[in-house]
Protein backbone atom coordinates (compact mmCIF):
# COMPACT_ATOMS: atom_id res chain seq x y z
CA UNK A 1 0.04 0.01 0.17
CA UNK A 2 2.78 2.51 0.87
CA UNK A 3 4.36 1.97 -2.18
CA UNK A 4 1.52 2.87 -4.15
CA UNK A 5 0.88 6.04 -2.34
CA UNK A 6 4.90 6.99 -2.95
CA UNK A 7 4.16 6.78 -6.09
CA UNK A 8 0.64 8.43 -6.53
CA UNK A 9 0.69 12.22 -7.96
CA UNK A 10 0.53 14.81 -4.89
CA UNK A 11 -2.94 15.86 -5.99
CA UNK A 12 -4.18 12.60 -6.29
CA UNK A 13 -2.90 11.63 -2.84
CA UNK A 14 -4.66 14.78 -1.44
CA UNK A 15 -7.86 14.14 -3.38
CA UNK A 16 -8.03 10.52 -1.95
CA UNK A 17 -7.36 11.67 1.78
CA UNK A 18 -9.89 14.34 1.09
CA UNK A 19 -12.48 11.71 0.54
CA UNK A 20 -11.40 9.30 2.80
CA UNK A 21 -12.14 11.95 5.38
CA UNK A 22 -15.42 12.82 4.00
CA UNK A 23 -16.20 9.70 4.25
CA UNK A 24 -15.66 9.31 7.37
CA UNK A 25 -16.89 12.53 8.97
CA UNK A 26 -20.61 11.02 9.18
CA UNK A 27 -19.49 8.04 10.70
CA UNK A 28 -17.36 9.69 14.01
CA UNK A 29 -20.08 10.30 16.36
CA UNK A 30 -20.35 5.75 16.13
CA UNK A 31 -15.86 5.60 17.01
CA UNK A 32 -15.38 5.51 20.81
CA UNK A 33 -14.62 9.58 21.89
CA UNK A 34 -11.05 8.29 21.88
CA UNK A 35 -11.10 7.33 18.30
CA UNK A 36 -12.61 10.10 17.14
CA UNK A 37 -9.74 12.91 19.16
CA UNK A 38 -6.97 10.72 17.61
CA UNK A 39 -8.68 10.98 13.87
CA UNK A 40 -9.39 14.63 14.55
CA UNK A 41 -5.73 14.94 15.53
CA UNK A 42 -4.26 12.98 12.49
CA UNK A 43 -6.23 15.29 10.42
CA UNK A 44 -5.43 19.03 11.51
CA UNK A 45 -1.75 17.60 12.20
CA UNK A 46 -2.04 16.38 8.32
CA UNK A 47 -3.19 19.40 7.10
CA UNK A 48 -1.33 21.43 9.58
CA UNK A 49 2.07 20.09 7.58
CA UNK A 50 0.27 20.03 3.77
CA UNK A 51 -0.58 23.78 4.43
CA UNK A 52 2.98 24.51 5.75
CA UNK A 53 4.46 22.38 2.65
CA UNK A 54 2.02 24.28 0.16
CA UNK A 55 3.11 27.42 1.68
CA UNK A 56 6.57 26.99 1.69
CA UNK A 57 6.67 25.54 -2.09
CA UNK A 58 4.60 28.65 -3.19
CA UNK A 59 7.17 31.13 -1.80
CA UNK A 60 9.83 29.09 -3.12
CA UNK A 61 7.98 29.39 -6.70
CA UNK A 62 7.69 33.11 -6.47
CA UNK A 63 11.11 33.91 -5.35
CA UNK A 64 12.25 31.53 -8.42
CA UNK A 65 9.74 33.61 -10.52
CA UNK A 66 11.78 36.94 -9.08
CA UNK A 67 14.78 35.20 -9.74
CA UNK A 68 14.66 34.20 -13.06
CA UNK A 69 13.71 37.73 -14.48
CA UNK A 70 16.69 39.28 -12.60
CA UNK A 71 18.66 36.52 -13.99
CA UNK A 72 17.85 37.82 -17.84
CA UNK A 73 17.29 41.37 -16.85
CA UNK A 74 21.47 41.88 -14.75
CA UNK A 75 22.52 38.78 -17.09
CA UNK A 76 23.63 37.26 -13.78
CA UNK A 77 23.12 33.23 -12.11
CA UNK A 78 20.17 32.36 -11.45
CA UNK A 79 21.69 31.19 -8.00
CA UNK A 80 23.21 34.57 -7.00
CA UNK A 81 19.34 35.98 -8.40
CA UNK A 82 18.19 33.58 -5.99
CA UNK A 83 20.00 34.39 -2.78
CA UNK A 84 19.92 38.33 -3.45
CA UNK A 85 16.17 38.04 -4.04
CA UNK A 86 15.72 36.18 -0.35
CA UNK A 87 17.87 38.97 1.14
CA UNK A 88 16.12 41.38 -0.58
CA UNK A 89 12.79 40.22 0.78
CA UNK A 90 14.32 39.19 4.28
CA UNK A 91 13.31 35.98 3.89
CA UNK A 92 14.56 33.86 6.82
CA UNK A 93 12.54 30.60 6.92
CA UNK A 94 15.40 27.89 6.32
CA UNK A 95 12.98 25.62 4.82
CA UNK A 96 12.67 28.49 1.87
CA UNK A 97 16.31 28.69 1.93
CA UNK A 98 17.19 25.07 1.97
CA UNK A 99 15.04 24.60 -1.09
CA UNK A 100 16.80 26.93 -3.12
CA UNK A 101 20.02 25.36 -2.52
CA UNK A 102 18.53 22.52 -4.36
CA UNK A 103 20.50 20.87 -6.62
CA UNK A 104 23.20 23.47 -7.37
CA UNK A 105 27.19 22.30 -6.90
CA UNK A 106 28.35 25.77 -5.43
CA UNK A 107 26.84 28.21 -2.88
CA UNK A 108 26.55 31.57 -5.11
CA UNK A 109 30.04 33.60 -4.70
CA UNK A 110 28.84 36.36 -1.33
CA UNK A 111 30.97 38.95 -3.23
CA UNK A 112 28.37 38.62 -6.64
CA UNK A 113 25.33 38.35 -4.36
CA UNK A 114 26.20 41.44 -2.51
CA UNK A 115 26.95 43.10 -5.46
CA UNK A 116 23.93 42.30 -6.81
CA UNK A 117 21.46 42.91 -3.63
CA UNK A 118 22.73 46.63 -3.46
CA UNK A 119 21.97 47.24 -7.39
CA UNK A 120 18.49 45.72 -6.50
CA UNK A 121 18.19 48.12 -3.19
CA UNK A 122 18.83 51.01 -6.29
CA UNK A 123 16.49 49.40 -8.73
CA UNK A 124 13.94 47.98 -7.29
CA UNK A 125 10.39 49.78 -6.04
CA UNK A 126 8.37 47.00 -5.15
CA UNK A 127 7.82 43.73 -4.96
CA UNK A 128 4.47 42.23 -4.65
CA UNK A 129 2.02 38.87 -5.26
CA UNK A 130 -1.45 39.05 -5.94
CA UNK A 131 -3.81 36.20 -5.88
CA UNK A 132 -7.67 36.86 -7.02
CA UNK A 133 -10.45 34.19 -7.39
CA UNK A 134 -11.42 33.92 -10.13
CA UNK A 135 -13.79 30.80 -9.73
CA UNK A 136 -15.41 30.82 -5.67
CA UNK A 137 -12.98 27.72 -4.13
CA UNK A 138 -11.72 26.92 -7.31
CA UNK A 139 -9.36 28.87 -9.38
CA UNK A 140 -7.22 31.89 -8.42
CA UNK A 141 -4.88 33.78 -10.61
CA UNK A 142 -1.28 34.59 -8.90
CA UNK A 143 0.49 37.84 -10.06
CA UNK A 144 3.73 38.77 -9.78
CA UNK A 145 4.66 42.12 -9.66
CA UNK A 146 7.96 43.81 -9.75
CA UNK A 147 8.72 47.84 -10.26
CA UNK A 148 11.94 49.00 -10.76
CA UNK A 149 13.86 51.79 -12.17
CA UNK A 150 12.26 54.82 -11.47
CA UNK A 151 13.02 57.55 -14.15
CA UNK A 152 11.63 60.54 -15.75
CA UNK A 153 10.08 58.34 -18.47
CA UNK A 154 8.19 56.20 -15.71
CA UNK A 155 8.37 53.07 -13.70
CA UNK A 156 9.24 49.43 -15.44
CA UNK A 157 6.62 46.53 -14.18
CA UNK A 158 6.93 43.25 -15.08
CA UNK A 159 4.49 40.68 -14.00
CA UNK A 160 4.04 37.10 -14.31
CA UNK A 161 0.88 35.49 -14.11
CA UNK A 162 -0.56 32.05 -13.32
CA UNK A 163 -3.75 29.95 -12.62
CA UNK A 164 -3.75 28.32 -9.70
CA UNK A 165 -6.25 25.78 -8.43
CA UNK A 166 -7.48 26.23 -4.73
CA UNK A 167 -5.34 23.67 -3.05
CA UNK A 168 -2.22 25.42 -4.18
CA UNK A 169 -3.17 28.77 -2.58
CA UNK A 170 -1.38 29.46 0.43
CA UNK A 171 -2.99 28.77 3.68
CA UNK A 172 -3.30 32.32 4.74
CA UNK A 173 -5.07 33.27 1.24
CA UNK A 174 -7.62 29.92 1.44
CA UNK A 175 -8.58 31.03 5.22
CA UNK A 176 -8.93 35.16 4.48
CA UNK A 177 -11.80 33.61 1.09
CA UNK A 178 -13.34 30.83 3.82
CA UNK A 179 -13.75 33.52 6.20
CA UNK A 180 -14.25 37.17 4.48
CA UNK A 181 -13.77 36.41 0.87
CA UNK A 182 -11.81 39.67 -1.23
CA UNK A 183 -11.74 39.57 -5.08
CA UNK A 184 -8.10 39.86 -4.47
CA UNK A 185 -5.31 39.79 -1.87
CA UNK A 186 -2.08 41.52 -1.97
CA UNK A 187 0.96 40.61 -0.53
CA UNK A 188 4.18 43.10 0.12
CA UNK A 189 7.43 41.40 -0.26
CA UNK A 190 9.30 44.43 -0.26
CA UNK A 191 9.04 47.84 -0.49
CA UNK A 192 12.42 49.77 -1.27
CA UNK A 193 12.81 52.48 1.93
CA UNK A 194 11.98 56.35 1.28
CA UNK A 195 15.51 57.95 1.55
């Protein structure tokens, strides 16, 4: 059984577990109080772990989008850009930083990261992420926006959109949509400080 679970796609596994839980819920009253408590604890722990993993993966995806944009713009290695983005956005979560290390052979050169970070602090005005609901509890659009290089001609804006299913949304976005639905939620990852 475990072998079939480990080879199952994540979305299918989650759907199967949700289906199992929905099947069990009407029968909880038939179980002993101890068994009910154990099942509820398992459910809460399972969803908590899934939410944490999903949130970390989502943050890593957003940082990756920004890093690839900066890689193309500044012609720097993606690892240097990703580390500079983490620093710029103040990312401290070890799990996210470890995800960034991934399969790279070498850590980015500290001097290159520092130099790029300094350039970004001067050039980047704002980085934000929008989550906009498309179909209630079904699909959202995630739009990552980077505003930079304020000049007399204006501000450069780069935007990257992606459709996401409900299950792939960050847990705080899902929670907010359940409690107090909004057409869009916006998170500011970085805002240039005024001189």
